[in-house]
Amino acid sequence: MDYKKTNAPLTTVTRDMIAMAEQTGNVYETVCIIGKRANQISADLKKELEKKLQEFASTDNMEEVSENREQIEISKFYEKLPKPTLIATQEYIDHKLYFSNPLKEKDHLKD
């Protein structure tokens, strides 16, 4: 997913957790779902950033250590993105997340 085009807010927003928990019926399950998705997004962004910065790490000469404008701009761009938790919360609110609870499905099949 392209996290650069998300409509997630850049700052923390107060949310009504009771309204958000309507999809799952449980506030704690909702928080767990958002937390797991935030971890996935964080890992994806980290891999992407490391991949882009790897291009600049090819020089082994310690004497040539200097600030690289491109590297700084890439880092600043990633710092300005919304935090993974905010992106995951927005995805949850927009119903873009698929989640299931195997325990609930197992209980439902028994009935």
PDB file of N, CA and C in Angstrom:
ATOM      1  N   MET A   1       0.836  -1.178   0.000  1.00  0.00           N
ATOM      2  CA  MET A   1       0.000   0.000   0.000  1.00  0.00           C
ATOM      3  C   MET A   1       0.879   1.239   0.000  1.00  0.00           C
ATOM      4  N   ASP A   2       0.391   2.261  -0.639  1.00  0.00           N
ATOM      5  CA  ASP A   2       1.149   3.500  -0.717  1.00  0.00           C
ATOM      6  C   ASP A   2       0.760   4.398   0.458  1.00  0.00           C
ATOM      7  N   TYR A   3       1.592   4.409   1.479  1.00  0.00           N
ATOM      8  CA  TYR A   3       1.286   5.163   2.692  1.00  0.00           C
ATOM      9  C   TYR A   3       1.470   6.658   2.494  1.00  0.00           C
ATOM     10  N   LYS A   4       2.091   7.042   1.399  1.00  0.00           N
ATOM     11  CA  LYS A   4       2.327   8.460   1.144  1.00  0.00           C
ATOM     12  C   LYS A   4       1.047   9.164   0.711  1.00  0.00           C
ATOM     13  N   LYS A   5       0.065   8.411   0.238  1.00  0.00           N
ATOM     14  CA  LYS A   5      -1.183   8.992  -0.260  1.00  0.00           C
ATOM     15  C   LYS A   5      -2.337   8.787   0.713  1.00  0.00           C
ATOM     16  N   THR A   6      -2.039   8.507   1.961  1.00  0.00           N
ATOM     17  CA  THR A   6      -3.079   8.278   2.951  1.00  0.00           C
ATOM     18  C   THR A   6      -3.718   9.593   3.380  1.00  0.00           C
ATOM     19  N   ASN A   7      -4.963   9.513   3.805  1.00  0.00           N
ATOM     20  CA  ASN A   7      -5.639  10.715   4.290  1.00  0.00           C
ATOM     21  C   ASN A   7      -5.650  10.752   5.818  1.00  0.00           C
ATOM     22  N   ALA A   8      -4.714  10.048   6.435  1.00  0.00           N
ATOM     23  CA  ALA A   8      -4.597  10.032   7.890  1.00  0.00           C
ATOM     24  C   ALA A   8      -4.097  11.390   8.379  1.00  0.00           C
ATOM     25  N   PRO A   9      -4.575  11.819   9.549  1.00  0.00           N
ATOM     26  CA  PRO A   9      -4.102  13.105  10.084  1.00  0.00           C
ATOM     27  C   PRO A   9      -2.630  13.022  10.496  1.00  0.00           C
ATOM     28  N   LEU A  10      -1.972  14.155  10.497  1.00  0.00           N
ATOM     29  CA  LEU A  10      -0.560  14.207  10.876  1.00  0.00           C
ATOM     30  C   LEU A  10      -0.375  14.311  12.385  1.00  0.00           C
ATOM     31  N   THR A  11      -1.416  14.739  13.084  1.00  0.00           N
ATOM     32  CA  THR A  11      -1.335  14.866  14.534  1.00  0.00           C
ATOM     33  C   THR A  11      -2.385  13.974  15.181  1.00  0.00           C
ATOM     34  N   THR A  12      -2.251  13.783  16.467  1.00  0.00           N
ATOM     35  CA  THR A  12      -3.160  12.932  17.213  1.00  0.00           C
ATOM     36  C   THR A  12      -4.561  13.546  17.242  1.00  0.00           C
ATOM     37  N   VAL A  13      -5.568  12.684  17.063  1.00  0.00           N
ATOM     38  CA  VAL A  13      -6.959  13.116  17.062  1.00  0.00           C
ATOM     39  C   VAL A  13      -7.701  12.309  18.124  1.00  0.00           C
ATOM     40  N   THR A  14      -8.534  12.982  18.901  1.00  0.00           N
ATOM     41  CA  THR A  14      -9.349  12.282  19.888  1.00  0.00           C
ATOM     42  C   THR A  14     -10.466  11.547  19.169  1.00  0.00           C
ATOM     43  N   ARG A  15     -10.638  10.274  19.503  1.00  0.00           N
ATOM     44  CA  ARG A  15     -11.642   9.452  18.829  1.00  0.00           C
ATOM     45  C   ARG A  15     -12.595   8.838  19.851  1.00  0.00           C
ATOM     46  N   ASP A  16     -13.805   8.542  19.406  1.00  0.00           N
ATOM     47  CA  ASP A  16     -14.785   7.871  20.240  1.00  0.00           C
ATOM     48  C   ASP A  16     -14.566   6.365  20.112  1.00  0.00           C
ATOM     49  N   MET A  17     -13.936   5.774  21.117  1.00  0.00           N
ATOM     50  CA  MET A  17     -13.590   4.344  21.051  1.00  0.00           C
ATOM     51  C   MET A  17     -14.826   3.449  21.048  1.00  0.00           C
ATOM     52  N   ILE A  18     -15.900   3.875  21.673  1.00  0.00           N
ATOM     53  CA  ILE A  18     -17.126   3.074  21.692  1.00  0.00           C
ATOM     54  C   ILE A  18     -17.682   2.963  20.260  1.00  0.00           C
ATOM     55  N   ALA A  19     -17.660   4.068  19.540  1.00  0.00           N
ATOM     56  CA  ALA A  19     -18.131   4.048  18.151  1.00  0.00           C
ATOM     57  C   ALA A  19     -17.198   3.220  17.268  1.00  0.00           C
ATOM     58  N   MET A  20     -15.897   3.321  17.530  1.00  0.00           N
ATOM     59  CA  MET A  20     -14.939   2.549  16.733  1.00  0.00           C
ATOM     60  C   MET A  20     -15.064   1.056  16.993  1.00  0.00           C
ATOM     61  N   ALA A  21     -15.481   0.691  18.199  1.00  0.00           N
ATOM     62  CA  ALA A  21     -15.560  -0.718  18.573  1.00  0.00           C
ATOM     63  C   ALA A  21     -16.822  -1.402  18.064  1.00  0.00           C
ATOM     64  N   GLU A  22     -17.674  -0.695  17.358  1.00  0.00           N
ATOM     65  CA  GLU A  22     -18.909  -1.302  16.850  1.00  0.00           C
ATOM     66  C   GLU A  22     -18.630  -2.444  15.873  1.00  0.00           C
ATOM     67  N   GLN A  23     -17.564  -2.356  15.106  1.00  0.00           N
ATOM     68  CA  GLN A  23     -17.242  -3.416  14.139  1.00  0.00           C
ATOM     69  C   GLN A  23     -16.908  -4.731  14.828  1.00  0.00           C
ATOM     70  N   THR A  24     -16.218  -4.651  15.958  1.00  0.00           N
ATOM     71  CA  THR A  24     -15.779  -5.864  16.646  1.00  0.00           C
ATOM     72  C   THR A  24     -16.639  -6.194  17.857  1.00  0.00           C
ATOM     73  N   GLY A  25     -17.253  -5.180  18.442  1.00  0.00           N
ATOM     74  CA  GLY A  25     -18.024  -5.388  19.653  1.00  0.00           C
ATOM     75  C   GLY A  25     -17.174  -5.364  20.910  1.00  0.00           C
ATOM     76  N   ASN A  26     -15.891  -5.061  20.768  1.00  0.00           N
ATOM     77  CA  ASN A  26     -14.979  -5.083  21.904  1.00  0.00           C
ATOM     78  C   ASN A  26     -13.895  -4.029  21.691  1.00  0.00           C
ATOM     79  N   VAL A  27     -13.773  -3.120  22.634  1.00  0.00           N
ATOM     80  CA  VAL A  27     -12.784  -2.041  22.530  1.00  0.00           C
ATOM     81  C   VAL A  27     -11.369  -2.606  22.477  1.00  0.00           C
ATOM     82  N   TYR A  28     -11.086  -3.600  23.298  1.00  0.00           N
ATOM     83  CA  TYR A  28      -9.734  -4.151  23.378  1.00  0.00           C
ATOM     84  C   TYR A  28      -9.350  -4.887  22.094  1.00  0.00           C
ATOM     85  N   GLU A  29     -10.316  -5.560  21.499  1.00  0.00           N
ATOM     86  CA  GLU A  29     -10.051  -6.236  20.230  1.00  0.00           C
ATOM     87  C   GLU A  29      -9.771  -5.215  19.130  1.00  0.00           C
ATOM     88  N   THR A  30     -10.510  -4.112  19.163  1.00  0.00           N
ATOM     89  CA  THR A  30     -10.295  -3.034  18.187  1.00  0.00           C
ATOM     90  C   THR A  30      -8.886  -2.460  18.318  1.00  0.00           C
ATOM     91  N   VAL A  31      -8.467  -2.191  19.551  1.00  0.00           N
ATOM     92  CA  VAL A  31      -7.127  -1.649  19.790  1.00  0.00           C
ATOM     93  C   VAL A  31      -6.060  -2.641  19.335  1.00  0.00           C
ATOM     94  N   CYS A  32      -6.296  -3.924  19.585  1.00  0.00           N
ATOM     95  CA  CYS A  32      -5.348  -4.965  19.178  1.00  0.00           C
ATOM     96  C   CYS A  32      -5.218  -5.017  17.656  1.00  0.00           C
ATOM     97  N   ILE A  33      -6.335  -4.929  16.948  1.00  0.00           N
ATOM     98  CA  ILE A  33      -6.334  -4.958  15.478  1.00  0.00           C
ATOM     99  C   ILE A  33      -5.552  -3.763  14.937  1.00  0.00           C
ATOM    100  N   ILE A  34      -5.843  -2.586  15.463  1.00  0.00           N
ATOM    101  CA  ILE A  34      -5.154  -1.372  15.006  1.00  0.00           C
ATOM    102  C   ILE A  34      -3.669  -1.452  15.338  1.00  0.00           C
ATOM    103  N   GLY A  35      -3.333  -1.976  16.519  1.00  0.00           N
ATOM    104  CA  GLY A  35      -1.926  -2.105  16.927  1.00  0.00           C
ATOM    105  C   GLY A  35      -1.151  -3.051  16.023  1.00  0.00           C
ATOM    106  N   LYS A  36      -1.760  -4.189  15.685  1.00  0.00           N
ATOM    107  CA  LYS A  36      -1.081  -5.144  14.799  1.00  0.00           C
ATOM    108  C   LYS A  36      -0.876  -4.548  13.414  1.00  0.00           C
ATOM    109  N   ARG A  37      -1.874  -3.829  12.922  1.00  0.00           N
ATOM    110  CA  ARG A  37      -1.727  -3.204  11.604  1.00  0.00           C
ATOM    111  C   ARG A  37      -0.657  -2.112  11.646  1.00  0.00           C
ATOM    112  N   ALA A  38      -0.602  -1.358  12.738  1.00  0.00           N
ATOM    113  CA  ALA A  38       0.413  -0.311  12.879  1.00  0.00           C
ATOM    114  C   ALA A  38       1.812  -0.918  12.865  1.00  0.00           C
ATOM    115  N   ASN A  39       1.981  -2.086  13.491  1.00  0.00           N
ATOM    116  CA  ASN A  39       3.280  -2.771  13.465  1.00  0.00           C
ATOM    117  C   ASN A  39       3.646  -3.188  12.038  1.00  0.00           C
ATOM    118  N   GLN A  40       2.665  -3.667  11.265  1.00  0.00           N
ATOM    119  CA  GLN A  40       2.918  -4.044   9.876  1.00  0.00           C
ATOM    120  C   GLN A  40       3.332  -2.830   9.052  1.00  0.00           C
ATOM    121  N   ILE A  41       2.619  -1.729   9.235  1.00  0.00           N
ATOM    122  CA  ILE A  41       2.928  -0.497   8.490  1.00  0.00           C
ATOM    123  C   ILE A  41       4.322   0.004   8.869  1.00  0.00           C
ATOM    124  N   SER A  42       4.632  -0.014  10.143  1.00  0.00           N
ATOM    125  CA  SER A  42       5.943   0.436  10.619  1.00  0.00           C
ATOM    126  C   SER A  42       7.063  -0.397  10.002  1.00  0.00           C
ATOM    127  N   ALA A  43       6.877  -1.711   9.960  1.00  0.00           N
ATOM    128  CA  ALA A  43       7.894  -2.586   9.366  1.00  0.00           C
ATOM    129  C   ALA A  43       8.051  -2.303   7.878  1.00  0.00           C
ATOM    130  N   ASP A  44       6.927  -2.094   7.180  1.00  0.00           N
ATOM    131  CA  ASP A  44       6.984  -1.786   5.748  1.00  0.00           C
ATOM    132  C   ASP A  44       7.719  -0.479   5.482  1.00  0.00           C
ATOM    133  N   LEU A  45       7.393   0.550   6.263  1.00  0.00           N
ATOM    134  CA  LEU A  45       8.046   1.844   6.082  1.00  0.00           C
ATOM    135  C   LEU A  45       9.540   1.758   6.389  1.00  0.00           C
ATOM    136  N   LYS A  46       9.883   0.986   7.410  1.00  0.00           N
ATOM    137  CA  LYS A  46      11.299   0.835   7.780  1.00  0.00           C
ATOM    138  C   LYS A  46      12.075   0.153   6.662  1.00  0.00           C
ATOM    139  N   LYS A  47      11.508  -0.915   6.094  1.00  0.00           N
ATOM    140  CA  LYS A  47      12.164  -1.614   4.986  1.00  0.00           C
ATOM    141  C   LYS A  47      12.343  -0.685   3.787  1.00  0.00           C
ATOM    142  N   GLU A  48      11.296   0.068   3.488  1.00  0.00           N
ATOM    143  CA  GLU A  48      11.343   0.982   2.351  1.00  0.00           C
ATOM    144  C   GLU A  48      12.401   2.063   2.541  1.00  0.00           C
ATOM    145  N   LEU A  49      12.463   2.630   3.744  1.00  0.00           N
ATOM    146  CA  LEU A  49      13.454   3.670   4.039  1.00  0.00           C
ATOM    147  C   LEU A  49      14.866   3.105   3.990  1.00  0.00           C
ATOM    148  N   GLU A  50      15.076   1.934   4.591  1.00  0.00           N
ATOM    149  CA  GLU A  50      16.402   1.319   4.567  1.00  0.00           C
ATOM    150  C   GLU A  50      16.842   1.007   3.151  1.00  0.00           C
ATOM    151  N   LYS A  51      15.909   0.582   2.322  1.00  0.00           N
ATOM    152  CA  LYS A  51      16.219   0.277   0.925  1.00  0.00           C
ATOM    153  C   LYS A  51      16.674   1.541   0.186  1.00  0.00           C
ATOM    154  N   LYS A  52      15.982   2.652   0.433  1.00  0.00           N
ATOM    155  CA  LYS A  52      16.357   3.907  -0.224  1.00  0.00           C
ATOM    156  C   LYS A  52      17.679   4.449   0.308  1.00  0.00           C
ATOM    157  N   LEU A  53      17.919   4.307   1.601  1.00  0.00           N
ATOM    158  CA  LEU A  53      19.159   4.823   2.188  1.00  0.00           C
ATOM    159  C   LEU A  53      20.348   3.914   1.906  1.00  0.00           C
ATOM    160  N   GLN A  54      20.091   2.670   1.532  1.00  0.00           N
ATOM    161  CA  GLN A  54      21.158   1.723   1.219  1.00  0.00           C
ATOM    162  C   GLN A  54      21.999   2.209   0.036  1.00  0.00           C
ATOM    163  N   GLU A  55      21.387   2.945  -0.865  1.00  0.00           N
ATOM    164  CA  GLU A  55      22.100   3.479  -2.029  1.00  0.00           C
ATOM    165  C   GLU A  55      23.237   4.413  -1.597  1.00  0.00           C
ATOM    166  N   PHE A  56      23.042   5.091  -0.473  1.00  0.00           N
ATOM    167  CA  PHE A  56      24.029   6.061  -0.009  1.00  0.00           C
ATOM    168  C   PHE A  56      25.100   5.420   0.860  1.00  0.00           C
ATOM    169  N   ALA A  57      24.900   4.189   1.279  1.00  0.00           N
ATOM    170  CA  ALA A  57      25.832   3.533   2.197  1.00  0.00           C
ATOM    171  C   ALA A  57      26.947   2.792   1.473  1.00  0.00           C
ATOM    172  N   SER A  58      27.071   2.955   0.186  1.00  0.00           N
ATOM    173  CA  SER A  58      28.050   2.198  -0.587  1.00  0.00           C
ATOM    174  C   SER A  58      29.485   2.707  -0.426  1.00  0.00           C
ATOM    175  N   THR A  59      29.677   3.909   0.082  1.00  0.00           N
ATOM    176  CA  THR A  59      31.036   4.431   0.243  1.00  0.00           C
ATOM    177  C   THR A  59      31.628   3.952   1.560  1.00  0.00           C
ATOM    178  N   ASP A  60      32.823   3.377   1.493  1.00  0.00           N
ATOM    179  CA  ASP A  60      33.506   2.858   2.673  1.00  0.00           C
ATOM    180  C   ASP A  60      34.594   3.805   3.178  1.00  0.00           C
ATOM    181  N   ASN A  61      34.872   4.837   2.460  1.00  0.00           N
ATOM    182  CA  ASN A  61      35.939   5.752   2.816  1.00  0.00           C
ATOM    183  C   ASN A  61      35.465   6.712   3.913  1.00  0.00           C
ATOM    184  N   MET A  62      36.099   6.653   5.070  1.00  0.00           N
ATOM    185  CA  MET A  62      35.707   7.486   6.204  1.00  0.00           C
ATOM    186  C   MET A  62      36.041   8.965   5.972  1.00  0.00           C
ATOM    187  N   GLU A  63      36.970   9.240   5.089  1.00  0.00           N
ATOM    188  CA  GLU A  63      37.349  10.621   4.828  1.00  0.00           C
ATOM    189  C   GLU A  63      36.290  11.353   4.004  1.00  0.00           C
ATOM    190  N   GLU A  64      35.469  10.603   3.302  1.00  0.00           N
ATOM    191  CA  GLU A  64      34.467  11.219   2.441  1.00  0.00           C
ATOM    192  C   GLU A  64      33.114  11.364   3.135  1.00  0.00           C
ATOM    193  N   VAL A  65      33.124  11.390   4.442  1.00  0.00           N
ATOM    194  CA  VAL A  65      31.873  11.543   5.176  1.00  0.00           C
ATOM    195  C   VAL A  65      31.421  12.994   5.044  1.00  0.00           C
ATOM    196  N   SER A  66      30.299  13.170   4.433  1.00  0.00           N
ATOM    197  CA  SER A  66      29.737  14.501   4.269  1.00  0.00           C
ATOM    198  C   SER A  66      28.226  14.389   4.226  1.00  0.00           C
ATOM    199  N   GLU A  67      27.565  15.471   4.473  1.00  0.00           N
ATOM    200  CA  GLU A  67      26.105  15.454   4.438  1.00  0.00           C
ATOM    201  C   GLU A  67      25.636  15.334   2.992  1.00  0.00           C
ATOM    202  N   ASN A  68      24.801  14.397   2.774  1.00  0.00           N
ATOM    203  CA  ASN A  68      24.251  14.187   1.452  1.00  0.00           C
ATOM    204  C   ASN A  68      22.840  14.768   1.427  1.00  0.00           C
ATOM    205  N   ARG A  69      22.617  15.750   0.590  1.00  0.00           N
ATOM    206  CA  ARG A  69      21.333  16.443   0.514  1.00  0.00           C
ATOM    207  C   ARG A  69      20.176  15.482   0.220  1.00  0.00           C
ATOM    208  N   GLU A  70      20.365  14.574  -0.717  1.00  0.00           N
ATOM    209  CA  GLU A  70      19.302  13.640  -1.080  1.00  0.00           C
ATOM    210  C   GLU A  70      18.927  12.751   0.097  1.00  0.00           C
ATOM    211  N   GLN A  71      19.926  12.286   0.803  1.00  0.00           N
ATOM    212  CA  GLN A  71      19.689  11.422   1.955  1.00  0.00           C
ATOM    213  C   GLN A  71      18.909  12.177   3.043  1.00  0.00           C
ATOM    214  N   ILE A  72      19.266  13.412   3.267  1.00  0.00           N
ATOM    215  CA  ILE A  72      18.583  14.224   4.263  1.00  0.00           C
ATOM    216  C   ILE A  72      17.139  14.463   3.853  1.00  0.00           C
ATOM    217  N   GLU A  73      16.901  14.755   2.580  1.00  0.00           N
ATOM    218  CA  GLU A  73      15.541  14.998   2.112  1.00  0.00           C
ATOM    219  C   GLU A  73      14.676  13.749   2.197  1.00  0.00           C
ATOM    220  N   ILE A  74      15.242  12.591   1.907  1.00  0.00           N
ATOM    221  CA  ILE A  74      14.491  11.335   2.030  1.00  0.00           C
ATOM    222  C   ILE A  74      14.116  11.111   3.483  1.00  0.00           C
ATOM    223  N   SER A  75      15.052  11.315   4.376  1.00  0.00           N
ATOM    224  CA  SER A  75      14.783  11.131   5.807  1.00  0.00           C
ATOM    225  C   SER A  75      13.721  12.104   6.307  1.00  0.00           C
ATOM    226  N   LYS A  76      13.803  13.349   5.886  1.00  0.00           N
ATOM    227  CA  LYS A  76      12.806  14.342   6.294  1.00  0.00           C
ATOM    228  C   LYS A  76      11.424  13.985   5.765  1.00  0.00           C
ATOM    229  N   PHE A  77      11.368  13.465   4.540  1.00  0.00           N
ATOM    230  CA  PHE A  77      10.081  13.073   3.957  1.00  0.00           C
ATOM    231  C   PHE A  77       9.416  11.999   4.807  1.00  0.00           C
ATOM    232  N   TYR A  78      10.187  10.993   5.210  1.00  0.00           N
ATOM    233  CA  TYR A  78       9.626   9.913   6.021  1.00  0.00           C
ATOM    234  C   TYR A  78       9.257  10.382   7.427  1.00  0.00           C
ATOM    235  N   GLU A  79       9.972  11.373   7.940  1.00  0.00           N
ATOM    236  CA  GLU A  79       9.641  11.916   9.254  1.00  0.00           C
ATOM    237  C   GLU A  79       8.324  12.680   9.226  1.00  0.00           C
ATOM    238  N   LYS A  80       7.992  13.270   8.076  1.00  0.00           N
ATOM    239  CA  LYS A  80       6.770  14.062   7.960  1.00  0.00           C
ATOM    240  C   LYS A  80       5.527  13.214   7.697  1.00  0.00           C
ATOM    241  N   LEU A  81       5.697  11.950   7.368  1.00  0.00           N
ATOM    242  CA  LEU A  81       4.539  11.075   7.143  1.00  0.00           C
ATOM    243  C   LEU A  81       3.783  10.880   8.454  1.00  0.00           C
ATOM    244  N   PRO A  82       2.480  10.596   8.368  1.00  0.00           N
ATOM    245  CA  PRO A  82       1.741  10.288   9.601  1.00  0.00           C
ATOM    246  C   PRO A  82       2.323   9.050  10.272  1.00  0.00           C
ATOM    247  N   LYS A  83       2.210   8.993  11.569  1.00  0.00           N
ATOM    248  CA  LYS A  83       2.706   7.845  12.325  1.00  0.00           C
ATOM    249  C   LYS A  83       1.918   6.597  11.942  1.00  0.00           C
ATOM    250  N   PRO A  84       2.554   5.428  12.004  1.00  0.00           N
ATOM    251  CA  PRO A  84       1.864   4.179  11.631  1.00  0.00           C
ATOM    252  C   PRO A  84       0.563   3.941  12.389  1.00  0.00           C
ATOM    253  N   THR A  85       0.500   4.354  13.641  1.00  0.00           N
ATOM    254  CA  THR A  85      -0.730   4.182  14.413  1.00  0.00           C
ATOM    255  C   THR A  85      -1.866   5.010  13.818  1.00  0.00           C
ATOM    256  N   LEU A  86      -1.560   6.229  13.390  1.00  0.00           N
ATOM    257  CA  LEU A  86      -2.584   7.079  12.787  1.00  0.00           C
ATOM    258  C   LEU A  86      -3.042   6.530  11.440  1.00  0.00           C
ATOM    259  N   ILE A  87      -2.119   5.984  10.671  1.00  0.00           N
ATOM    260  CA  ILE A  87      -2.475   5.388   9.379  1.00  0.00           C
ATOM    261  C   ILE A  87      -3.360   4.166   9.609  1.00  0.00           C
ATOM    262  N   ALA A  88      -2.986   3.310  10.562  1.00  0.00           N
ATOM    263  CA  ALA A  88      -3.764   2.104  10.849  1.00  0.00           C
ATOM    264  C   ALA A  88      -5.158   2.463  11.362  1.00  0.00           C
ATOM    265  N   THR A  89      -5.252   3.468  12.201  1.00  0.00           N
ATOM    266  CA  THR A  89      -6.553   3.894  12.716  1.00  0.00           C
ATOM    267  C   THR A  89      -7.434   4.400  11.585  1.00  0.00           C
ATOM    268  N   GLN A  90      -6.857   5.168  10.678  1.00  0.00           N
ATOM    269  CA  GLN A  90      -7.635   5.690   9.543  1.00  0.00           C
ATOM    270  C   GLN A  90      -8.098   4.551   8.642  1.00  0.00           C
ATOM    271  N   GLU A  91      -7.244   3.567   8.413  1.00  0.00           N
ATOM    272  CA  GLU A  91      -7.637   2.400   7.609  1.00  0.00           C
ATOM    273  C   GLU A  91      -8.784   1.660   8.282  1.00  0.00           C
ATOM    274  N   TYR A  92      -8.735   1.534   9.593  1.00  0.00           N
ATOM    275  CA  TYR A  92      -9.795   0.854  10.331  1.00  0.00           C
ATOM    276  C   TYR A  92     -11.112   1.619  10.204  1.00  0.00           C
ATOM    277  N   ILE A  93     -11.056   2.921  10.377  1.00  0.00           N
ATOM    278  CA  ILE A  93     -12.264   3.752  10.287  1.00  0.00           C
ATOM    279  C   ILE A  93     -12.852   3.703   8.883  1.00  0.00           C
ATOM    280  N   ASP A  94     -11.990   3.683   7.866  1.00  0.00           N
ATOM    281  CA  ASP A  94     -12.441   3.651   6.468  1.00  0.00           C
ATOM    282  C   ASP A  94     -12.823   2.243   6.012  1.00  0.00           C
ATOM    283  N   HIS A  95     -12.812   1.272   6.924  1.00  0.00           N
ATOM    284  CA  HIS A  95     -13.156  -0.130   6.619  1.00  0.00           C
ATOM    285  C   HIS A  95     -12.249  -0.719   5.539  1.00  0.00           C
ATOM    286  N   LYS A  96     -10.972  -0.389   5.584  1.00  0.00           N
ATOM    287  CA  LYS A  96      -9.995  -0.922   4.629  1.00  0.00           C
ATOM    288  C   LYS A  96      -9.200  -2.093   5.195  1.00  0.00           C
ATOM    289  N   LEU A  97      -9.488  -2.472   6.450  1.00  0.00           N
ATOM    290  CA  LEU A  97      -8.777  -3.577   7.079  1.00  0.00           C
ATOM    291  C   LEU A  97      -9.655  -4.816   7.081  1.00  0.00           C
ATOM    292  N   TYR A  98      -9.038  -5.940   6.745  1.00  0.00           N
ATOM    293  CA  TYR A  98      -9.725  -7.221   6.897  1.00  0.00           C
ATOM    294  C   TYR A  98      -9.178  -7.872   8.150  1.00  0.00           C
ATOM    295  N   PHE A  99     -10.063  -8.306   9.012  1.00  0.00           N
ATOM    296  CA  PHE A  99      -9.643  -8.986  10.234  1.00  0.00           C
ATOM    297  C   PHE A  99     -10.671 -10.050  10.575  1.00  0.00           C
ATOM    298  N   SER A 100     -10.203 -11.063  11.263  1.00  0.00           N
ATOM    299  CA  SER A 100     -11.105 -12.119  11.731  1.00  0.00           C
ATOM    300  C   SER A 100     -10.597 -12.644  13.060  1.00  0.00           C
ATOM    301  N   ASN A 101     -11.501 -13.182  13.821  1.00  0.00           N
ATOM    302  CA  ASN A 101     -11.159 -13.770  15.115  1.00  0.00           C
ATOM    303  C   ASN A 101     -11.507 -15.251  15.032  1.00  0.00           C
ATOM    304  N   PRO A 102     -10.509 -16.123  14.923  1.00  0.00           N
ATOM    305  CA  PRO A 102     -10.773 -17.558  14.788  1.00  0.00           C
ATOM    306  C   PRO A 102     -11.580 -18.134  15.953  1.00  0.00           C
ATOM    307  N   LEU A 103     -11.411 -17.602  17.147  1.00  0.00           N
ATOM    308  CA  LEU A 103     -12.169 -18.100  18.295  1.00  0.00           C
ATOM    309  C   LEU A 103     -13.655 -17.804  18.151  1.00  0.00           C
ATOM    310  N   LYS A 104     -13.991 -16.610  17.683  1.00  0.00           N
ATOM    311  CA  LYS A 104     -15.394 -16.255  17.473  1.00  0.00           C
ATOM    312  C   LYS A 104     -15.995 -17.088  16.344  1.00  0.00           C
ATOM    313  N   GLU A 105     -15.224 -17.324  15.288  1.00  0.00           N
ATOM    314  CA  GLU A 105     -15.720 -18.112  14.162  1.00  0.00           C
ATOM    315  C   GLU A 105     -15.946 -19.565  14.581  1.00  0.00           C
ATOM    316  N   LYS A 106     -15.066 -20.093  15.420  1.00  0.00           N
ATOM    317  CA  LYS A 106     -15.193 -21.467  15.893  1.00  0.00           C
ATOM    318  C   LYS A 106     -16.464 -21.603  16.752  1.00  0.00           C
ATOM    319  N   ASP A 107     -16.681 -20.624  17.642  1.00  0.00           N
ATOM    320  CA  ASP A 107     -17.884 -20.635  18.483  1.00  0.00           C
ATOM    321  C   ASP A 107     -19.149 -20.498  17.653  1.00  0.00           C
ATOM    322  N   HIS A 108     -19.086 -19.699  16.605  1.00  0.00           N
ATOM    323  CA  HIS A 108     -20.248 -19.478  15.732  1.00  0.00           C
ATOM    324  C   HIS A 108     -20.597 -20.753  14.976  1.00  0.00           C
ATOM    325  N   LEU A 109     -19.599 -21.531  14.578  1.00  0.00           N
ATOM    326  CA  LEU A 109     -19.829 -22.789  13.847  1.00  0.00           C
ATOM    327  C   LEU A 109     -20.442 -23.849  14.747  1.00  0.00           C
ATOM    328  N   LYS A 110     -20.143 -23.807  16.045  1.00  0.00           N
ATOM    329  CA  LYS A 110     -20.698 -24.786  16.973  1.00  0.00           C
ATOM    330  C   LYS A 110     -22.197 -24.610  17.158  1.00  0.00           C
ATOM    331  N   ASP A 111     -22.685 -23.380  17.039  1.00  0.00           N
ATOM    332  CA  ASP A 111     -24.111 -23.106  17.259  1.00  0.00           C
ATOM    333  C   ASP A 111     -24.973 -23.692  16.219  1.00  0.00           C
TER     334      ASP A 111
END
